[in-house]
Amino acid sequence: MQVTFLGTGTSHGVPRIGCSCAVCTSNDPKNKRFRSSVLLEEGPSAIVIDTGPEFRLQALRSHISHLDAVFYTHNHADHMNGIDDLRVFSERGSLKVFGPEQVLDDIRQRFPYAVGENVWRGGLPQLVLGEVAPEGVTINSLTFIPIPLVHGCRQVYGYRIGDFAYLTDCKEIPDASLPLLGHLDILVIDALRYKLHPTHMSIDEAVAFAQSIEAKTTYLTHLTHRVDHEELEAYLPASIHPAYDGLTVNVSSHAKGEPHG
């Protein structure tokens, strides 16, 4: 399975509007961050987790020509507001969309025109909504297992697919979720900034968690404009790296071993 980081930035994106800090004015392309999202591909299958405001630009940059499904982590604008551009991927047939019930309810309320069949095929999204069962959802050869996380005062989802886990936007990982995160080849985790934050993990918190579950390789995402890529790379332990837009990694889509206790 190939994973492409479509975006690795926080809700403001990087550069931040109106900011002249060293990161926002940097010439390093790894300091240019769209809102956080990933593309998973295996064989003919292509699935996206989250569609932020730059989804159209992300899809063009990564040459996405079709999607089999979309999974959502939660209903914040920086993870959902590109939903209208899913119409391109539902011209020939309805597109499956999965997420927590709060996400599906929000789509029905905010984007009612996008749900179900519509005579304006091609002009409107044609989305079929499905809640993610605890045992997961299988799309072709890929099984997405939901990982409950705490993001401020709300529960959100991360997802495990084989030996890969994607945990964006979280401050805490409940004890009940830990057995779902054992034997990971690659962990992607929220690491907003160096300073503590009430609803996101800091860099040090993310590092400590990754080490506690013994993930083989970890990538940090959802980074603010206060984080320079090269400086962060130099700061981190050898097995942990800052993700960046356009990065691709390969990982097994079939989980190994038993859950981590």
Protein backbone atom coordinates (compact mmCIF):
# COMPACT_ATOMS: atom_id res chain seq x y z
CA MET A 1 0.00 0.00 0.00
CA GLN A 2 1.30 3.45 -0.91
CA VAL A 3 0.45 6.39 1.34
CA THR A 4 0.75 9.94 0.01
CA PHE A 5 0.58 12.92 2.35
CA LEU A 6 -1.76 15.32 0.55
CA GLY A 7 -1.41 17.86 3.36
CA THR A 8 0.44 18.09 6.67
CA GLY A 9 -0.59 21.49 8.01
CA THR A 10 -2.80 22.78 10.77
CA SER A 11 -6.13 24.54 10.29
CA HIS A 12 -4.48 27.79 9.12
CA GLY A 13 -2.24 26.05 6.61
CA VAL A 14 1.36 27.14 6.07
CA PRO A 15 2.13 29.88 5.11
CA ARG A 16 -0.41 31.46 7.42
CA ILE A 17 -2.30 34.41 5.97
CA GLY A 18 -0.61 37.72 6.83
CA CYS A 19 2.38 36.15 8.57
CA SER A 20 6.01 37.04 7.82
CA CYS A 21 7.68 34.56 10.20
CA ALA A 22 10.71 32.54 9.09
CA VAL A 23 8.65 29.45 8.26
CA CYS A 24 5.92 31.28 6.37
CA THR A 25 8.52 33.08 4.24
CA SER A 26 10.77 30.03 3.85
CA ASN A 27 11.89 28.84 0.42
CA ASP A 28 11.92 25.23 1.62
CA PRO A 29 9.01 23.47 -0.12
CA LYS A 30 8.70 21.18 2.91
CA ASN A 31 7.52 24.22 4.86
CA LYS A 32 4.53 24.68 2.53
CA ARG A 33 1.64 22.78 4.10
CA PHE A 34 -1.92 22.25 2.90
CA ARG A 35 -4.49 21.11 5.46
CA SER A 36 -3.94 17.54 6.69
CA SER A 37 -5.08 14.63 4.52
CA VAL A 38 -3.71 11.37 3.11
CA LEU A 39 -4.27 9.25 -0.01
CA LEU A 40 -4.02 5.45 0.24
CA GLU A 41 -3.49 3.38 -2.89
CA GLU A 42 -3.20 -0.36 -3.41
CA GLY A 43 -3.56 -1.80 -6.88
CA PRO A 44 -6.52 -0.04 -8.52
CA SER A 45 -7.91 1.15 -5.16
CA ALA A 46 -7.65 4.81 -4.13
CA ILE A 47 -9.08 6.12 -0.84
CA VAL A 48 -8.71 9.50 0.85
CA ILE A 49 -8.89 10.30 4.56
CA ASP A 50 -10.34 13.81 4.98
CA THR A 51 -11.00 16.47 2.33
CA GLY A 52 -9.87 19.87 3.53
CA PRO A 53 -10.27 23.26 1.81
CA GLU A 54 -7.39 22.57 -0.63
CA PHE A 55 -8.66 19.15 -1.69
CA ARG A 56 -9.00 20.20 -5.32
CA LEU A 57 -5.38 21.39 -5.39
CA GLN A 58 -4.21 18.27 -3.57
CA ALA A 59 -6.01 16.03 -6.05
CA LEU A 60 -4.48 17.86 -9.00
CA ARG A 61 -0.99 17.78 -7.52
CA SER A 62 -1.19 14.04 -6.80
CA HIS A 63 -2.96 13.20 -10.09
CA ILE A 64 -5.95 11.58 -8.39
CA SER A 65 -8.21 10.34 -11.18
CA HIS A 66 -10.68 8.23 -9.20
CA LEU A 67 -11.68 7.41 -5.65
CA ASP A 68 -13.29 4.28 -4.24
CA ALA A 69 -14.24 5.87 -0.91
CA VAL A 70 -13.58 8.72 1.52
CA PHE A 71 -13.13 8.37 5.27
CA TYR A 72 -13.51 11.27 7.68
CA THR A 73 -11.85 11.67 11.06
CA HIS A 74 -14.13 14.46 12.33
CA ASN A 75 -16.20 17.39 11.14
CA HIS A 76 -13.90 20.39 11.59
CA ALA A 77 -13.72 22.68 8.55
CA ASP A 78 -10.05 21.97 7.83
CA HIS A 79 -10.90 18.29 7.37
CA MET A 80 -14.28 18.49 5.59
CA ASN A 81 -14.75 21.68 3.63
CA GLY A 82 -13.42 20.31 0.34
CA ILE A 83 -16.34 17.90 0.15
CA ASP A 84 -17.96 19.64 -2.83
CA ASP A 85 -15.04 18.63 -5.07
CA LEU A 86 -15.99 14.99 -4.58
CA ARG A 87 -18.54 15.53 -7.35
CA VAL A 88 -15.82 14.79 -9.91
CA PHE A 89 -15.39 11.33 -8.37
CA SER A 90 -19.10 10.49 -8.37
CA GLU A 91 -20.06 11.30 -11.94
CA ARG A 92 -20.34 7.66 -13.01
CA GLY A 93 -21.59 6.21 -9.73
CA SER A 94 -22.19 7.18 -6.14
CA LEU A 95 -19.14 7.56 -3.88
CA LYS A 96 -18.99 5.85 -0.49
CA VAL A 97 -18.27 8.13 2.46
CA PHE A 98 -17.58 6.85 5.98
CA GLY A 99 -17.02 8.43 9.37
CA PRO A 100 -18.33 8.85 12.90
CA GLU A 101 -22.06 9.49 13.20
CA GLN A 102 -21.46 13.15 14.11
CA VAL A 103 -19.67 13.62 10.77
CA LEU A 104 -22.45 11.96 8.79
CA ASP A 105 -25.09 14.07 10.57
CA ASP A 106 -23.10 17.21 9.80
CA ILE A 107 -22.84 16.30 6.12
CA ARG A 108 -26.61 15.77 5.97
CA GLN A 109 -27.22 19.17 7.59
CA ARG A 110 -24.52 21.28 5.90
CA PHE A 111 -24.34 19.57 2.52
CA PRO A 112 -27.78 18.02 1.94
CA TYR A 113 -27.43 18.44 -1.83
CA ALA A 114 -24.42 16.10 -1.78
CA VAL A 115 -26.18 13.11 -0.23
CA GLY A 116 -27.79 10.36 -2.32
CA GLU A 117 -28.70 10.23 -5.99
CA ASN A 118 -29.38 13.49 -7.80
CA VAL A 119 -30.49 14.18 -11.36
CA TRP A 120 -27.67 16.74 -11.66
CA ARG A 121 -25.04 14.04 -11.88
CA GLY A 122 -21.67 15.67 -12.53
CA GLY A 123 -22.83 18.98 -11.11
CA LEU A 124 -23.41 17.75 -7.57
CA PRO A 125 -21.67 15.17 -5.39
CA GLN A 126 -23.49 11.83 -5.15
CA LEU A 127 -22.45 10.54 -1.73
CA VAL A 128 -23.65 7.40 0.05
CA LEU A 129 -23.01 7.78 3.77
CA GLY A 130 -22.01 4.91 6.06
CA GLU A 131 -21.06 4.80 9.72
CA VAL A 132 -17.84 2.97 10.54
CA ALA A 133 -18.50 -0.17 12.57
CA PRO A 134 -16.05 -0.98 15.41
CA GLU A 135 -14.74 -3.97 13.46
CA GLY A 136 -13.99 -1.69 10.53
CA VAL A 137 -14.97 -1.25 6.89
CA THR A 138 -13.36 -3.10 4.00
CA ILE A 139 -13.00 -1.38 0.65
CA ASN A 140 -11.60 -3.80 -1.91
CA SER A 141 -8.43 -5.12 -0.25
CA LEU A 142 -8.12 -2.42 2.44
CA THR A 143 -9.76 -2.64 5.87
CA PHE A 144 -10.15 0.59 7.84
CA ILE A 145 -10.45 0.04 11.60
CA PRO A 146 -11.60 3.10 13.57
CA ILE A 147 -9.39 4.24 16.45
CA PRO A 148 -11.32 6.40 18.97
CA LEU A 149 -9.28 9.46 20.00
CA VAL A 150 -9.85 12.51 22.17
CA HIS A 151 -9.59 15.90 20.45
CA GLY A 152 -10.40 18.55 23.03
CA CYS A 153 -13.88 17.77 24.39
CA ARG A 154 -14.90 15.45 21.57
CA GLN A 155 -14.25 11.95 20.36
CA VAL A 156 -12.83 11.69 16.86
CA TYR A 157 -11.49 8.81 14.78
CA GLY A 158 -8.08 7.79 13.64
CA TYR A 159 -7.80 4.76 11.37
CA ARG A 160 -5.65 1.67 11.21
CA ILE A 161 -5.13 0.02 7.83
CA GLY A 162 -2.87 -3.02 8.05
CA ASP A 163 0.42 -1.99 9.66
CA PHE A 164 -0.33 1.72 9.17
CA ALA A 165 -2.19 4.05 11.55
CA TYR A 166 -3.28 7.63 10.92
CA LEU A 167 -4.02 9.63 14.09
CA THR A 168 -4.48 13.27 13.20
CA ASP A 169 -6.12 15.81 15.55
CA CYS A 170 -5.80 14.25 18.97
CA LYS A 171 -4.74 15.22 22.47
CA GLU A 172 -5.21 11.83 24.10
CA ILE A 173 -5.39 8.19 23.05
CA PRO A 174 -7.80 6.35 25.38
CA ASP A 175 -6.54 3.17 27.02
CA ALA A 176 -9.25 1.22 25.19
CA SER A 177 -7.69 2.22 21.86
CA LEU A 178 -4.17 1.04 22.70
CA PRO A 179 -4.73 -2.62 21.74
CA LEU A 180 -5.55 -1.40 18.22
CA LEU A 181 -2.13 0.23 17.84
CA GLY A 182 0.32 -2.61 18.31
CA HIS A 183 2.92 -3.83 15.81
CA LEU A 184 2.79 -0.75 13.59
CA ASP A 185 5.27 -0.31 10.77
CA ILE A 186 4.21 3.32 10.31
CA LEU A 187 2.40 5.64 12.69
CA VAL A 188 1.23 9.10 11.62
CA ILE A 189 0.31 11.31 14.56
CA ASP A 190 -0.76 14.85 15.39
CA ALA A 191 2.13 17.01 16.66
CA LEU A 192 0.94 20.58 16.41
CA ARG A 193 3.91 22.49 17.84
CA TYR A 194 6.61 22.45 20.51
CA LYS A 195 4.47 24.32 23.05
CA LEU A 196 1.63 22.49 24.82
CA HIS A 197 -1.87 22.90 23.37
CA PRO A 198 -5.25 22.03 24.97
CA THR A 199 -6.65 20.01 22.06
CA HIS A 200 -3.63 18.75 20.10
CA MET A 201 -0.54 16.79 21.04
CA SER A 202 2.67 18.73 21.24
CA ILE A 203 5.75 17.42 19.46
CA ASP A 204 7.18 15.96 22.67
CA GLU A 205 3.84 14.34 23.56
CA ALA A 206 3.62 12.73 20.13
CA VAL A 207 7.20 11.46 20.36
CA ALA A 208 6.58 9.98 23.80
CA PHE A 209 3.45 8.19 22.60
CA ALA A 210 5.12 6.80 19.49
CA GLN A 211 7.95 5.44 21.61
CA SER A 212 5.53 3.97 24.15
CA ILE A 213 3.82 1.80 21.51
CA GLU A 214 7.13 1.00 19.78
CA ALA A 215 6.05 2.06 16.32
CA LYS A 216 8.85 1.24 13.87
CA THR A 217 8.63 4.57 12.04
CA THR A 218 6.60 7.63 12.95
CA TYR A 219 5.67 10.71 10.93
CA LEU A 220 4.41 13.90 12.59
CA THR A 221 1.60 15.83 10.92
CA HIS A 222 -0.80 18.76 11.46
CA LEU A 223 2.18 21.08 11.96
CA THR A 224 1.89 24.83 12.53
CA HIS A 225 3.87 27.67 11.02
CA ARG A 226 6.00 27.72 14.18
CA VAL A 227 7.66 24.47 13.09
CA ASP A 228 10.51 24.49 10.57
CA HIS A 229 10.94 21.17 8.78
CA GLU A 230 14.72 20.93 8.92
CA GLU A 231 14.93 22.11 12.53
CA LEU A 232 12.32 19.56 13.56
CA GLU A 233 14.07 16.76 11.66
CA ALA A 234 17.27 17.54 13.57
CA TYR A 235 15.40 17.61 16.89
CA LEU A 236 13.66 14.24 16.54
CA PRO A 237 14.89 10.71 17.38
CA ALA A 238 16.11 8.61 14.46
CA SER A 239 12.84 6.70 13.88
CA ILE A 240 10.58 9.79 13.98
CA HIS A 241 10.30 12.35 11.18
CA PRO A 242 8.23 15.38 10.20
CA ALA A 243 5.88 14.54 7.34
CA TYR A 244 5.64 16.95 4.43
CA ASP A 245 3.23 17.51 1.56
CA GLY A 246 3.85 15.09 -1.29
CA LEU A 247 5.78 12.55 0.79
CA THR A 248 4.99 8.96 -0.19
CA VAL A 249 5.68 5.87 1.93
CA ASN A 250 5.00 2.18 1.38
CA VAL A 251 3.58 -0.08 4.07
CA SER A 252 1.91 -3.46 4.37
CA SER A 253 -1.87 -3.36 4.14
CA HIS A 254 -2.09 -6.61 6.14
CA ALA A 255 -1.56 -6.34 9.91
CA LYS A 256 1.04 -8.61 11.49
CA GLY A 257 1.00 -10.29 14.85
CA GLU A 258 -1.37 -9.78 17.75
CA PRO A 259 -2.71 -6.47 19.09
CA HIS A 260 -0.33 -4.68 21.42
CA GLY A 261 -1.30 -5.10 25.07
